[in-house]
Amino acid sequence: MNVISTCLTGTATILTCRKIAQSFSENIYELSSIRHNWSPEYANDLKHRIDSIMHQYFTEESLSALKDITVFRAELKVDFSYDKQFLKDTFEKLGYVDYYSDAKNGDHFSLYKMMATFKRNMDSDLQQMVLSRGIDQVLLTRLMTYKEKLAELKNCFDISHGQDQLDAQLKHEINAIYSEIKNICRIVTAYYEFDPVQRDRFCFYKVMIGLKKSMLVN
């Protein structure tokens, strides 16, 4: 097994593991028929352990961003309750439709993508409209800064980024999860040998490359 020891490899690895663990959970009722210890409880525990590791990486800024986008969403619903179409269009435009649910459930990758979408699409006309109904400028300004504050997520997929060493305990936990996920991938890719779409969801390299490409669009 390759030892994960830097921020660069550690972050990319744990994000990839989380994506694969989610696919595993979504297919657990089918996959439980091939190994006796593969159960919904095991799949949920695997996701929980990965999320616990991720929270050691991304804590204060991520929690602040999630709180602010949740408050902003609630304020919009109150201020524009009379205009359902505006709410629908705005939530789609700002990334809530594509990313909010996953971000709220602990997916820091989706949180970064949402904040990038929010900043890109919050044009001056929309700013004026939401501020005119009561949302505070300070809140909106904070929301516009989170893309840069969370940019380390994106940078860790860039091979030119720094090589700071991980804490020994965190390194051990990431390597253990990585080994567990790789073993799952070996079995599941064999199971889905004749289903290329499903098989690719458990190919570690392809999943990691897919995450990197989706980062680049933001």
N, C-alpha and C. Protein backbone atom coordinates (compact mmCIF):
# COMPACT_ATOMS: atom_id res chain seq x y z
N MET A 1 0.83 -1.19 0.00
CA MET A 1 0.00 0.00 0.00
C MET A 1 0.87 1.24 0.00
N ASN A 2 0.51 2.25 -0.81
CA ASN A 2 1.21 3.51 -0.79
C ASN A 2 0.87 4.25 0.50
N VAL A 3 1.91 4.74 1.20
CA VAL A 3 1.68 5.44 2.45
C VAL A 3 1.28 6.88 2.17
N ILE A 4 0.16 7.30 2.72
CA ILE A 4 -0.33 8.67 2.57
C ILE A 4 0.30 9.50 3.67
N SER A 5 1.08 10.54 3.32
CA SER A 5 1.79 11.27 4.36
C SER A 5 1.72 12.79 4.22
N THR A 6 1.21 13.32 3.12
CA THR A 6 1.18 14.77 2.94
C THR A 6 -0.25 15.28 2.82
N CYS A 7 -0.40 16.60 3.00
CA CYS A 7 -1.71 17.23 2.82
C CYS A 7 -2.23 16.97 1.42
N LEU A 8 -1.36 17.09 0.43
CA LEU A 8 -1.72 16.88 -0.97
C LEU A 8 -2.38 15.53 -1.19
N THR A 9 -1.65 14.47 -0.83
CA THR A 9 -2.18 13.13 -1.07
C THR A 9 -3.28 12.77 -0.09
N GLY A 10 -3.16 13.25 1.15
CA GLY A 10 -4.16 12.91 2.16
C GLY A 10 -5.53 13.46 1.83
N THR A 11 -5.60 14.73 1.43
CA THR A 11 -6.89 15.35 1.15
C THR A 11 -7.53 14.74 -0.09
N ALA A 12 -6.76 14.59 -1.14
CA ALA A 12 -7.29 13.98 -2.36
C ALA A 12 -7.77 12.56 -2.08
N THR A 13 -7.03 11.84 -1.25
CA THR A 13 -7.38 10.45 -0.95
C THR A 13 -8.68 10.37 -0.15
N ILE A 14 -8.82 11.18 0.90
CA ILE A 14 -10.00 11.05 1.74
C ILE A 14 -11.25 11.53 1.01
N LEU A 15 -11.13 12.52 0.13
CA LEU A 15 -12.27 12.95 -0.67
C LEU A 15 -12.70 11.85 -1.64
N THR A 16 -11.72 11.15 -2.21
CA THR A 16 -12.03 10.05 -3.12
C THR A 16 -12.66 8.89 -2.35
N CYS A 17 -12.13 8.60 -1.17
CA CYS A 17 -12.70 7.54 -0.34
C CYS A 17 -14.14 7.84 0.02
N ARG A 18 -14.43 9.09 0.31
CA ARG A 18 -15.80 9.45 0.67
C ARG A 18 -16.75 9.24 -0.50
N LYS A 19 -16.30 9.60 -1.69
CA LYS A 19 -17.13 9.43 -2.88
C LYS A 19 -17.42 7.95 -3.12
N ILE A 20 -16.42 7.11 -2.98
CA ILE A 20 -16.60 5.68 -3.20
C ILE A 20 -17.47 5.08 -2.09
N ALA A 21 -17.27 5.53 -0.86
CA ALA A 21 -18.08 5.03 0.25
C ALA A 21 -19.56 5.36 0.04
N GLN A 22 -19.84 6.51 -0.55
CA GLN A 22 -21.22 6.88 -0.85
C GLN A 22 -21.82 5.95 -1.91
N SER A 23 -21.04 5.64 -2.95
CA SER A 23 -21.50 4.70 -3.97
C SER A 23 -21.72 3.32 -3.37
N PHE A 24 -20.83 2.93 -2.48
CA PHE A 24 -20.95 1.64 -1.79
C PHE A 24 -22.24 1.58 -0.99
N SER A 25 -22.53 2.66 -0.25
CA SER A 25 -23.75 2.72 0.55
C SER A 25 -24.99 2.64 -0.32
N GLU A 26 -24.96 3.31 -1.48
CA GLU A 26 -26.12 3.33 -2.37
C GLU A 26 -26.40 1.95 -2.97
N ASN A 27 -25.40 1.09 -3.01
CA ASN A 27 -25.56 -0.24 -3.62
C ASN A 27 -25.44 -1.37 -2.60
N ILE A 28 -25.50 -1.03 -1.31
CA ILE A 28 -25.18 -2.03 -0.28
C ILE A 28 -26.16 -3.19 -0.26
N TYR A 29 -27.42 -2.96 -0.59
CA TYR A 29 -28.38 -4.08 -0.53
C TYR A 29 -28.06 -5.13 -1.59
N GLU A 30 -27.54 -4.71 -2.72
CA GLU A 30 -27.10 -5.67 -3.73
C GLU A 30 -25.77 -6.29 -3.34
N LEU A 31 -24.84 -5.45 -2.87
CA LEU A 31 -23.49 -5.94 -2.57
C LEU A 31 -23.43 -6.78 -1.30
N SER A 32 -24.42 -6.66 -0.43
CA SER A 32 -24.41 -7.44 0.81
C SER A 32 -24.51 -8.93 0.55
N SER A 33 -24.89 -9.29 -0.67
CA SER A 33 -25.04 -10.71 -0.99
C SER A 33 -23.70 -11.39 -1.28
N ILE A 34 -22.61 -10.61 -1.37
CA ILE A 34 -21.33 -11.24 -1.74
C ILE A 34 -20.33 -11.29 -0.59
N ARG A 35 -20.59 -10.56 0.52
CA ARG A 35 -19.74 -10.67 1.71
C ARG A 35 -20.60 -10.53 2.95
N HIS A 36 -20.41 -11.45 3.91
CA HIS A 36 -21.33 -11.51 5.04
C HIS A 36 -21.24 -10.29 5.95
N ASN A 37 -20.09 -9.59 5.96
CA ASN A 37 -19.98 -8.42 6.83
C ASN A 37 -20.35 -7.11 6.13
N TRP A 38 -20.74 -7.20 4.86
CA TRP A 38 -21.19 -5.99 4.15
C TRP A 38 -22.68 -5.82 4.40
N SER A 39 -23.02 -4.83 5.18
CA SER A 39 -24.40 -4.58 5.57
C SER A 39 -24.64 -3.08 5.57
N PRO A 40 -25.91 -2.65 5.64
CA PRO A 40 -26.18 -1.21 5.74
C PRO A 40 -25.48 -0.58 6.94
N GLU A 41 -25.40 -1.32 8.03
CA GLU A 41 -24.74 -0.80 9.23
C GLU A 41 -23.25 -0.57 8.97
N TYR A 42 -22.63 -1.53 8.29
CA TYR A 42 -21.20 -1.39 7.96
C TYR A 42 -20.98 -0.21 7.02
N ALA A 43 -21.84 -0.06 6.01
CA ALA A 43 -21.70 1.04 5.05
C ALA A 43 -21.85 2.38 5.75
N ASN A 44 -22.81 2.49 6.66
CA ASN A 44 -22.99 3.74 7.40
C ASN A 44 -21.82 4.03 8.32
N ASP A 45 -21.29 2.99 8.95
CA ASP A 45 -20.13 3.17 9.83
C ASP A 45 -18.91 3.63 9.05
N LEU A 46 -18.74 3.07 7.85
CA LEU A 46 -17.62 3.47 7.00
C LEU A 46 -17.72 4.95 6.65
N LYS A 47 -18.89 5.40 6.26
CA LYS A 47 -19.10 6.82 5.94
C LYS A 47 -18.85 7.69 7.17
N HIS A 48 -19.30 7.24 8.33
CA HIS A 48 -19.11 8.01 9.55
C HIS A 48 -17.63 8.16 9.90
N ARG A 49 -16.87 7.08 9.73
CA ARG A 49 -15.43 7.15 10.03
C ARG A 49 -14.71 8.10 9.07
N ILE A 50 -15.12 8.08 7.82
CA ILE A 50 -14.51 8.99 6.84
C ILE A 50 -14.87 10.43 7.17
N ASP A 51 -16.14 10.68 7.51
CA ASP A 51 -16.55 12.04 7.87
C ASP A 51 -15.81 12.54 9.10
N SER A 52 -15.55 11.65 10.06
CA SER A 52 -14.81 12.04 11.26
C SER A 52 -13.40 12.51 10.90
N ILE A 53 -12.77 11.80 9.96
CA ILE A 53 -11.43 12.20 9.51
C ILE A 53 -11.52 13.54 8.78
N MET A 54 -12.52 13.70 7.94
CA MET A 54 -12.65 14.95 7.19
C MET A 54 -12.83 16.14 8.10
N HIS A 55 -13.54 15.95 9.20
CA HIS A 55 -13.76 17.05 10.12
C HIS A 55 -12.47 17.48 10.81
N GLN A 56 -11.47 16.59 10.83
CA GLN A 56 -10.16 16.99 11.37
C GLN A 56 -9.41 17.90 10.40
N TYR A 57 -9.75 17.80 9.12
CA TYR A 57 -9.15 18.67 8.11
C TYR A 57 -9.85 20.03 8.07
N PHE A 58 -11.18 19.98 7.98
CA PHE A 58 -11.95 21.16 7.66
C PHE A 58 -12.97 21.40 8.78
N THR A 59 -12.71 22.36 9.63
CA THR A 59 -13.59 22.55 10.77
C THR A 59 -14.20 23.94 10.79
N GLU A 60 -13.47 24.91 11.29
CA GLU A 60 -14.03 26.23 11.57
C GLU A 60 -14.61 26.91 10.33
N GLU A 61 -13.81 27.02 9.27
CA GLU A 61 -14.30 27.72 8.07
C GLU A 61 -15.46 26.98 7.42
N SER A 62 -15.38 25.65 7.39
CA SER A 62 -16.45 24.87 6.78
C SER A 62 -17.76 25.03 7.55
N LEU A 63 -17.67 24.98 8.88
CA LEU A 63 -18.87 25.11 9.69
C LEU A 63 -19.46 26.51 9.57
N SER A 64 -18.60 27.51 9.51
CA SER A 64 -19.08 28.89 9.35
C SER A 64 -19.78 29.07 8.01
N ALA A 65 -19.18 28.52 6.96
CA ALA A 65 -19.77 28.62 5.62
C ALA A 65 -21.12 27.93 5.58
N LEU A 66 -21.19 26.72 6.16
CA LEU A 66 -22.45 25.97 6.15
C LEU A 66 -23.53 26.70 6.93
N LYS A 67 -23.16 27.28 8.07
CA LYS A 67 -24.13 28.04 8.86
C LYS A 67 -24.65 29.24 8.07
N ASP A 68 -23.75 29.95 7.41
CA ASP A 68 -24.14 31.16 6.68
C ASP A 68 -25.01 30.86 5.47
N ILE A 69 -24.70 29.79 4.73
CA ILE A 69 -25.53 29.49 3.56
C ILE A 69 -26.91 28.98 3.99
N THR A 70 -26.98 28.36 5.17
CA THR A 70 -28.26 27.89 5.69
C THR A 70 -29.11 29.07 6.15
N VAL A 71 -28.49 30.04 6.83
CA VAL A 71 -29.20 31.24 7.27
C VAL A 71 -29.67 32.04 6.06
N PHE A 72 -28.79 32.20 5.06
CA PHE A 72 -29.14 32.94 3.85
C PHE A 72 -30.35 32.29 3.15
N ARG A 73 -30.35 30.99 3.09
CA ARG A 73 -31.46 30.25 2.47
C ARG A 73 -32.76 30.51 3.21
N ALA A 74 -32.70 30.46 4.55
CA ALA A 74 -33.91 30.70 5.34
C ALA A 74 -34.43 32.12 5.16
N GLU A 75 -33.51 33.09 5.11
CA GLU A 75 -33.93 34.48 4.92
C GLU A 75 -34.57 34.69 3.55
N LEU A 76 -33.99 34.07 2.52
CA LEU A 76 -34.59 34.19 1.19
C LEU A 76 -36.01 33.65 1.18
N LYS A 77 -36.22 32.51 1.84
CA LYS A 77 -37.55 31.90 1.87
C LYS A 77 -38.57 32.80 2.55
N VAL A 78 -38.11 33.53 3.58
CA VAL A 78 -39.01 34.44 4.27
C VAL A 78 -39.26 35.69 3.43
N ASP A 79 -38.18 36.27 2.91
CA ASP A 79 -38.29 37.55 2.18
C ASP A 79 -39.02 37.44 0.85
N PHE A 80 -38.93 36.26 0.21
CA PHE A 80 -39.53 36.11 -1.12
C PHE A 80 -40.57 34.97 -1.14
N SER A 81 -41.25 34.80 -0.02
CA SER A 81 -42.24 33.72 0.08
C SER A 81 -43.36 33.89 -0.94
N TYR A 82 -43.56 35.12 -1.38
CA TYR A 82 -44.63 35.42 -2.34
C TYR A 82 -44.24 35.10 -3.78
N ASP A 83 -42.94 34.80 -4.02
CA ASP A 83 -42.46 34.60 -5.39
C ASP A 83 -41.72 33.26 -5.49
N LYS A 84 -42.48 32.19 -5.64
CA LYS A 84 -41.90 30.85 -5.66
C LYS A 84 -40.96 30.64 -6.84
N GLN A 85 -41.28 31.25 -7.98
CA GLN A 85 -40.42 31.08 -9.15
C GLN A 85 -39.06 31.74 -8.93
N PHE A 86 -39.07 32.90 -8.30
CA PHE A 86 -37.80 33.57 -8.00
C PHE A 86 -36.96 32.71 -7.07
N LEU A 87 -37.58 32.15 -6.05
CA LEU A 87 -36.84 31.28 -5.13
C LEU A 87 -36.26 30.08 -5.87
N LYS A 88 -37.06 29.45 -6.69
CA LYS A 88 -36.59 28.29 -7.44
C LYS A 88 -35.40 28.65 -8.31
N ASP A 89 -35.52 29.73 -9.06
CA ASP A 89 -34.45 30.14 -9.97
C ASP A 89 -33.19 30.56 -9.20
N THR A 90 -33.37 31.24 -8.09
CA THR A 90 -32.23 31.73 -7.32
C THR A 90 -31.49 30.59 -6.64
N PHE A 91 -32.21 29.65 -6.07
CA PHE A 91 -31.56 28.51 -5.43
C PHE A 91 -30.78 27.68 -6.45
N GLU A 92 -31.32 27.57 -7.65
CA GLU A 92 -30.60 26.86 -8.70
C GLU A 92 -29.36 27.65 -9.13
N LYS A 93 -29.51 28.94 -9.30
CA LYS A 93 -28.42 29.80 -9.76
C LYS A 93 -27.26 29.82 -8.77
N LEU A 94 -27.55 29.82 -7.47
CA LEU A 94 -26.52 29.96 -6.45
C LEU A 94 -25.92 28.64 -5.98
N GLY A 95 -26.38 27.51 -6.54
CA GLY A 95 -25.78 26.22 -6.22
C GLY A 95 -26.51 25.40 -5.19
N TYR A 96 -27.60 25.91 -4.64
CA TYR A 96 -28.33 25.16 -3.62
C TYR A 96 -28.90 23.85 -4.17
N VAL A 97 -29.41 23.88 -5.37
CA VAL A 97 -30.04 22.69 -5.95
C VAL A 97 -29.01 21.58 -6.14
N ASP A 98 -27.83 21.93 -6.64
CA ASP A 98 -26.82 20.91 -6.96
C ASP A 98 -25.98 20.47 -5.76
N TYR A 99 -25.74 21.37 -4.79
CA TYR A 99 -24.72 21.09 -3.80
C TYR A 99 -25.16 21.17 -2.34
N TYR A 100 -26.25 21.87 -2.04
CA TYR A 100 -26.57 22.16 -0.64
C TYR A 100 -26.83 20.89 0.18
N SER A 101 -27.59 19.98 -0.36
CA SER A 101 -27.94 18.77 0.39
C SER A 101 -26.69 17.99 0.78
N ASP A 102 -25.79 17.78 -0.17
CA ASP A 102 -24.56 17.05 0.13
C ASP A 102 -23.67 17.83 1.08
N ALA A 103 -23.59 19.15 0.90
CA ALA A 103 -22.78 19.98 1.80
C ALA A 103 -23.30 19.90 3.23
N LYS A 104 -24.61 19.95 3.38
CA LYS A 104 -25.24 19.88 4.70
C LYS A 104 -24.98 18.54 5.38
N ASN A 105 -24.79 17.49 4.58
CA ASN A 105 -24.53 16.16 5.11
C ASN A 105 -23.05 15.87 5.30
N GLY A 106 -22.22 16.93 5.23
CA GLY A 106 -20.81 16.77 5.57
C GLY A 106 -19.86 16.63 4.40
N ASP A 107 -20.36 16.82 3.18
CA ASP A 107 -19.49 16.70 2.01
C ASP A 107 -18.80 18.05 1.77
N HIS A 108 -17.56 18.17 2.23
CA HIS A 108 -16.83 19.43 2.13
C HIS A 108 -16.49 19.79 0.68
N PHE A 109 -16.34 18.79 -0.13
CA PHE A 109 -16.10 19.01 -1.56
C PHE A 109 -17.29 19.74 -2.19
N SER A 110 -18.50 19.29 -1.88
CA SER A 110 -19.70 19.95 -2.38
C SER A 110 -19.84 21.35 -1.79
N LEU A 111 -19.41 21.53 -0.55
CA LEU A 111 -19.46 22.84 0.07
C LEU A 111 -18.57 23.83 -0.69
N TYR A 112 -17.36 23.39 -1.04
CA TYR A 112 -16.48 24.27 -1.82
C TYR A 112 -17.13 24.62 -3.16
N LYS A 113 -17.66 23.61 -3.85
CA LYS A 113 -18.26 23.85 -5.17
C LYS A 113 -19.47 24.79 -5.06
N MET A 114 -20.22 24.67 -3.96
CA MET A 114 -21.35 25.55 -3.79
C MET A 114 -20.90 26.99 -3.58
N MET A 115 -19.88 27.20 -2.75
CA MET A 115 -19.42 28.55 -2.49
C MET A 115 -18.81 29.18 -3.74
N ALA A 116 -18.18 28.35 -4.57
CA ALA A 116 -17.64 28.86 -5.83
C ALA A 116 -18.77 29.27 -6.77
N THR A 117 -19.84 28.45 -6.81
CA THR A 117 -21.00 28.77 -7.64
C THR A 117 -21.71 30.02 -7.13
N PHE A 118 -21.84 30.10 -5.81
CA PHE A 118 -22.50 31.24 -5.17
C PHE A 118 -21.79 32.54 -5.56
N LYS A 119 -20.46 32.55 -5.42
CA LYS A 119 -19.71 33.78 -5.72
C LYS A 119 -19.79 34.13 -7.20
N ARG A 120 -19.66 33.12 -8.05
CA ARG A 120 -19.67 33.36 -9.50
C ARG A 120 -21.00 33.92 -9.98
N ASN A 121 -22.10 33.46 -9.41
CA ASN A 121 -23.42 33.81 -9.94
C ASN A 121 -24.15 34.90 -9.15
N MET A 122 -23.56 35.37 -8.05
CA MET A 122 -24.19 36.44 -7.29
C MET A 122 -23.85 37.79 -7.95
N ASP A 123 -24.59 38.12 -8.99
CA ASP A 123 -24.30 39.35 -9.73
C ASP A 123 -24.88 40.56 -8.99
N SER A 124 -24.58 41.75 -9.48
CA SER A 124 -24.96 42.98 -8.78
C SER A 124 -26.48 43.14 -8.69
N ASP A 125 -27.19 42.76 -9.73
CA ASP A 125 -28.66 42.87 -9.71
C ASP A 125 -29.26 41.99 -8.62
N LEU A 126 -28.77 40.76 -8.53
CA LEU A 126 -29.29 39.84 -7.51
C LEU A 126 -28.91 40.33 -6.11
N GLN A 127 -27.69 40.86 -5.97
CA GLN A 127 -27.29 41.41 -4.68
C GLN A 127 -28.23 42.50 -4.22
N GLN A 128 -28.52 43.43 -5.11
CA GLN A 128 -29.41 44.55 -4.76
C GLN A 128 -30.79 44.05 -4.37
N MET A 129 -31.26 43.03 -5.08
CA MET A 129 -32.60 42.52 -4.81
C MET A 129 -32.68 41.88 -3.42
N VAL A 130 -31.71 41.02 -3.10
CA VAL A 130 -31.78 40.32 -1.81
C VAL A 130 -31.52 41.27 -0.65
N LEU A 131 -30.63 42.24 -0.85
CA LEU A 131 -30.34 43.20 0.21
C LEU A 131 -31.52 44.13 0.48
N SER A 132 -32.28 44.40 -0.55
CA SER A 132 -33.41 45.33 -0.40
C SER A 132 -34.52 44.76 0.47
N ARG A 133 -34.52 43.45 0.66
CA ARG A 133 -35.59 42.81 1.44
C ARG A 133 -35.20 42.58 2.90
N GLY A 134 -33.91 42.85 3.25
CA GLY A 134 -33.55 42.74 4.67
C GLY A 134 -32.31 41.93 4.99
N ILE A 135 -31.79 41.16 4.05
CA ILE A 135 -30.55 40.41 4.30
C ILE A 135 -29.42 41.41 4.54
N ASP A 136 -28.60 41.14 5.55
CA ASP A 136 -27.55 42.07 5.93
C ASP A 136 -26.35 41.98 4.98
N GLN A 137 -25.75 43.13 4.69
CA GLN A 137 -24.59 43.19 3.80
C GLN A 137 -23.42 42.40 4.36
N VAL A 138 -23.26 42.38 5.67
CA VAL A 138 -22.14 41.66 6.30
C VAL A 138 -22.23 40.17 6.00
N LEU A 139 -23.43 39.62 6.10
CA LEU A 139 -23.63 38.20 5.79
C LEU A 139 -23.29 37.92 4.33
N LEU A 140 -23.78 38.75 3.44
CA LEU A 140 -23.52 38.53 2.02
C LEU A 140 -22.03 38.64 1.71
N THR A 141 -21.36 39.59 2.34
CA THR A 141 -19.92 39.75 2.13
C THR A 141 -19.16 38.52 2.59
N ARG A 142 -19.54 37.97 3.74
CA ARG A 142 -18.90 36.74 4.21
C ARG A 142 -19.09 35.60 3.22
N LEU A 143 -20.31 35.47 2.73
CA LEU A 143 -20.60 34.40 1.78
C LEU A 143 -19.75 34.51 0.52
N MET A 144 -19.42 35.72 0.13
CA MET A 144 -18.64 35.93 -1.08
C MET A 144 -17.15 35.62 -0.88
N THR A 145 -16.73 35.40 0.37
CA THR A 145 -15.31 35.15 0.64
C THR A 145 -14.99 33.68 0.86
N TYR A 146 -16.01 32.84 1.02
CA TYR A 146 -15.74 31.45 1.41
C TYR A 146 -15.05 30.65 0.31
N LYS A 147 -15.25 31.00 -0.96
CA LYS A 147 -14.58 30.25 -2.01
C LYS A 147 -13.08 30.26 -1.78
N GLU A 148 -12.52 31.43 -1.51
CA GLU A 148 -11.07 31.54 -1.29
C GLU A 148 -10.67 30.86 0.02
N LYS A 149 -11.48 31.00 1.07
CA LYS A 149 -11.14 30.40 2.36
C LYS A 149 -11.12 28.87 2.29
N LEU A 150 -11.94 28.31 1.40
CA LEU A 150 -12.00 26.86 1.27
C LEU A 150 -11.19 26.35 0.08
N ALA A 151 -10.39 27.22 -0.52
CA ALA A 151 -9.66 26.86 -1.74
C ALA A 151 -8.63 25.76 -1.52
N GLU A 152 -8.25 25.50 -0.26
CA GLU A 152 -7.29 24.43 -0.01
C GLU A 152 -7.80 23.09 -0.54
N LEU A 153 -9.12 22.91 -0.54
CA LEU A 153 -9.70 21.70 -1.10
C LEU A 153 -9.31 21.54 -2.56
N LYS A 154 -9.41 22.63 -3.30
CA LYS A 154 -9.06 22.60 -4.72
C LYS A 154 -7.56 22.47 -4.91
N ASN A 155 -6.80 23.21 -4.10
CA ASN A 155 -5.35 23.19 -4.24
C ASN A 155 -4.75 21.82 -3.98
N CYS A 156 -5.39 21.05 -3.13
CA CYS A 156 -4.83 19.74 -2.80
C CYS A 156 -4.95 18.75 -3.93
N PHE A 157 -5.64 19.12 -5.02
CA PHE A 157 -5.65 18.29 -6.22
C PHE A 157 -4.61 18.79 -7.23
N ASP A 158 -3.88 19.82 -6.86
CA ASP A 158 -2.87 20.42 -7.75
C ASP A 158 -1.51 19.89 -7.34
N ILE A 159 -0.85 19.17 -8.22
CA ILE A 159 0.40 18.51 -7.89
C ILE A 159 1.51 19.50 -7.53
N SER A 160 1.35 20.78 -7.92
CA SER A 160 2.36 21.78 -7.61
C SER A 160 2.18 22.37 -6.22
N HIS A 161 1.12 21.97 -5.51
CA HIS A 161 0.84 22.55 -4.21
C HIS A 161 1.79 21.98 -3.15
N GLY A 162 1.76 22.59 -1.96
CA GLY A 162 2.73 22.28 -0.90
C GLY A 162 2.74 20.83 -0.45
N GLN A 163 3.77 20.48 0.28
CA GLN A 163 4.01 19.11 0.71
C GLN A 163 4.05 18.99 2.24
N ASP A 164 3.24 19.76 2.96
CA ASP A 164 3.26 19.71 4.42
C ASP A 164 2.85 18.34 4.91
N GLN A 165 3.55 17.85 5.92
CA GLN A 165 3.32 16.51 6.43
C GLN A 165 2.09 16.46 7.33
N LEU A 166 1.37 15.35 7.26
CA LEU A 166 0.21 15.15 8.10
C LEU A 166 0.64 14.75 9.50
N ASP A 167 -0.23 15.03 10.47
CA ASP A 167 -0.06 14.53 11.82
C ASP A 167 -0.02 13.00 11.78
N ALA A 168 0.81 12.39 12.64
CA ALA A 168 1.03 10.94 12.60
C ALA A 168 -0.27 10.15 12.78
N GLN A 169 -1.11 10.56 13.74
CA GLN A 169 -2.35 9.84 13.99
C GLN A 169 -3.31 9.98 12.82
N LEU A 170 -3.39 11.20 12.27
CA LEU A 170 -4.26 11.42 11.11
C LEU A 170 -3.77 10.62 9.92
N LYS A 171 -2.47 10.58 9.72
CA LYS A 171 -1.88 9.80 8.63
C LYS A 171 -2.25 8.32 8.78
N HIS A 172 -2.17 7.81 10.00
CA HIS A 172 -2.51 6.41 10.26
C HIS A 172 -3.98 6.14 9.92
N GLU A 173 -4.88 7.05 10.33
CA GLU A 173 -6.31 6.86 10.09
C GLU A 173 -6.63 6.91 8.60
N ILE A 174 -6.00 7.84 7.88
CA ILE A 174 -6.25 7.94 6.44
C ILE A 174 -5.75 6.69 5.72
N ASN A 175 -4.58 6.20 6.09
CA ASN A 175 -4.05 5.00 5.45
C ASN A 175 -4.94 3.79 5.72
N ALA A 176 -5.51 3.70 6.92
CA ALA A 176 -6.38 2.58 7.25
C ALA A 176 -7.66 2.63 6.39
N ILE A 177 -8.24 3.81 6.26
CA ILE A 177 -9.44 3.96 5.43
C ILE A 177 -9.11 3.69 3.97
N TYR A 178 -7.99 4.22 3.52
CA TYR A 178 -7.56 4.01 2.13
C TYR A 178 -7.43 2.52 1.82
N SER A 179 -6.81 1.77 2.72
CA SER A 179 -6.64 0.33 2.54
C SER A 179 -7.99 -0.38 2.49
N GLU A 180 -8.90 0.03 3.38
CA GLU A 180 -10.23 -0.58 3.43
C GLU A 180 -11.02 -0.30 2.15
N ILE A 181 -10.97 0.94 1.68
CA ILE A 181 -11.67 1.31 0.45
C ILE A 181 -11.07 0.60 -0.76
N LYS A 182 -9.75 0.50 -0.81
CA LYS A 182 -9.11 -0.19 -1.93
C LYS A 182 -9.53 -1.65 -1.98
N ASN A 183 -9.65 -2.30 -0.84
CA ASN A 183 -10.09 -3.69 -0.81
C ASN A 183 -11.54 -3.82 -1.28
N ILE A 184 -12.38 -2.87 -0.88
CA ILE A 184 -13.76 -2.85 -1.36
C ILE A 184 -13.77 -2.70 -2.88
N CYS A 185 -12.94 -1.80 -3.39
CA CYS A 185 -12.88 -1.55 -4.83
C CYS A 185 -12.46 -2.80 -5.59
N ARG A 186 -11.50 -3.53 -5.07
CA ARG A 186 -11.03 -4.75 -5.76
C ARG A 186 -12.17 -5.75 -5.94
N ILE A 187 -12.95 -5.93 -4.91
CA ILE A 187 -14.04 -6.91 -4.97
C ILE A 187 -15.19 -6.39 -5.84
N VAL A 188 -15.57 -5.13 -5.62
CA VAL A 188 -16.74 -4.58 -6.31
C VAL A 188 -16.49 -4.41 -7.81
N THR A 189 -15.27 -4.01 -8.20
CA THR A 189 -14.99 -3.89 -9.64
C THR A 189 -15.05 -5.25 -10.32
N ALA A 190 -14.67 -6.29 -9.58
CA ALA A 190 -14.81 -7.64 -10.14
C ALA A 190 -16.28 -8.03 -10.26
N TYR A 191 -17.07 -7.66 -9.26
CA TYR A 191 -18.51 -7.95 -9.28
C TYR A 191 -19.19 -7.26 -10.45
N TYR A 192 -18.77 -6.00 -10.72
CA TYR A 192 -19.38 -5.22 -11.80
C TYR A 192 -18.56 -5.29 -13.10
N GLU A 193 -17.88 -6.39 -13.31
CA GLU A 193 -17.01 -6.55 -14.48
C GLU A 193 -17.74 -6.22 -15.79
N PHE A 194 -19.00 -6.60 -15.89
CA PHE A 194 -19.73 -6.41 -17.14
C PHE A 194 -20.73 -5.24 -17.07
N ASP A 195 -20.51 -4.37 -16.10
CA ASP A 195 -21.32 -3.15 -15.95
C ASP A 195 -20.34 -1.99 -15.83
N PRO A 196 -19.87 -1.44 -16.96
CA PRO A 196 -18.80 -0.44 -16.92
C PRO A 196 -19.15 0.83 -16.16
N VAL A 197 -20.41 1.22 -16.16
CA VAL A 197 -20.81 2.44 -15.44
C VAL A 197 -20.62 2.24 -13.94
N GLN A 198 -21.16 1.14 -13.44
CA GLN A 198 -21.01 0.85 -12.02
C GLN A 198 -19.55 0.55 -11.66
N ARG A 199 -18.87 -0.16 -12.51
CA ARG A 199 -17.46 -0.49 -12.24
C ARG A 199 -16.61 0.77 -12.05
N ASP A 200 -16.85 1.77 -12.90
CA ASP A 200 -16.05 2.99 -12.82
C ASP A 200 -16.29 3.77 -11.54
N ARG A 201 -17.44 3.56 -10.92
CA ARG A 201 -17.73 4.23 -9.64
C ARG A 201 -16.89 3.67 -8.51
N PHE A 202 -16.23 2.53 -8.77
CA PHE A 202 -15.39 1.90 -7.75
C PHE A 202 -13.94 1.76 -8.20
N CYS A 203 -13.59 2.45 -9.26
CA CYS A 203 -12.19 2.52 -9.71
C CYS A 203 -11.57 3.73 -9.05
N PHE A 204 -10.68 3.51 -8.09
CA PHE A 204 -10.16 4.61 -7.27
C PHE A 204 -9.56 5.72 -8.12
N TYR A 205 -8.75 5.35 -9.10
CA TYR A 205 -8.08 6.36 -9.93
C TYR A 205 -9.10 7.17 -10.72
N LYS A 206 -10.08 6.50 -11.32
CA LYS A 206 -11.07 7.22 -12.13
C LYS A 206 -11.94 8.14 -11.28
N VAL A 207 -12.28 7.71 -10.08
CA VAL A 207 -13.07 8.55 -9.19
C VAL A 207 -12.28 9.79 -8.80
N MET A 208 -10.99 9.61 -8.49
CA MET A 208 -10.15 10.75 -8.11
C MET A 208 -10.01 11.74 -9.27
N ILE A 209 -9.80 11.22 -10.48
CA ILE A 209 -9.68 12.10 -11.65
C ILE A 209 -11.00 12.84 -11.89
N GLY A 210 -12.12 12.15 -11.69
CA GLY A 210 -13.42 12.79 -11.85
C GLY A 210 -13.63 13.92 -10.87
N LEU A 211 -13.19 13.74 -9.63
CA LEU A 211 -13.28 14.81 -8.63
C LEU A 211 -12.41 15.99 -9.03
N LYS A 212 -11.22 15.70 -9.52
CA LYS A 212 -10.32 16.78 -9.93
C LYS A 212 -10.93 17.58 -11.07
N LYS A 213 -11.52 16.90 -12.05
CA LYS A 213 -12.12 17.60 -13.19
C LYS A 213 -13.30 18.46 -12.73
N SER A 214 -14.10 17.95 -11.81
CA SER A 214 -15.24 18.74 -11.35
C SER A 214 -14.80 19.93 -10.52
N MET A 215 -13.64 19.83 -9.87
CA MET A 215 -13.07 20.98 -9.18
C MET A 215 -12.70 22.08 -10.16
N LEU A 216 -12.14 21.67 -11.30
CA LEU A 216 -11.61 22.66 -12.24
C LEU A 216 -12.68 23.54 -12.86
N VAL A 217 -13.92 23.06 -12.91
CA VAL A 217 -14.98 23.86 -13.51
C VAL A 217 -15.33 25.05 -12.64
N ASN A 218 -14.94 25.01 -11.37
CA ASN A 218 -15.21 26.13 -10.48
C ASN A 218 -13.97 26.95 -10.21
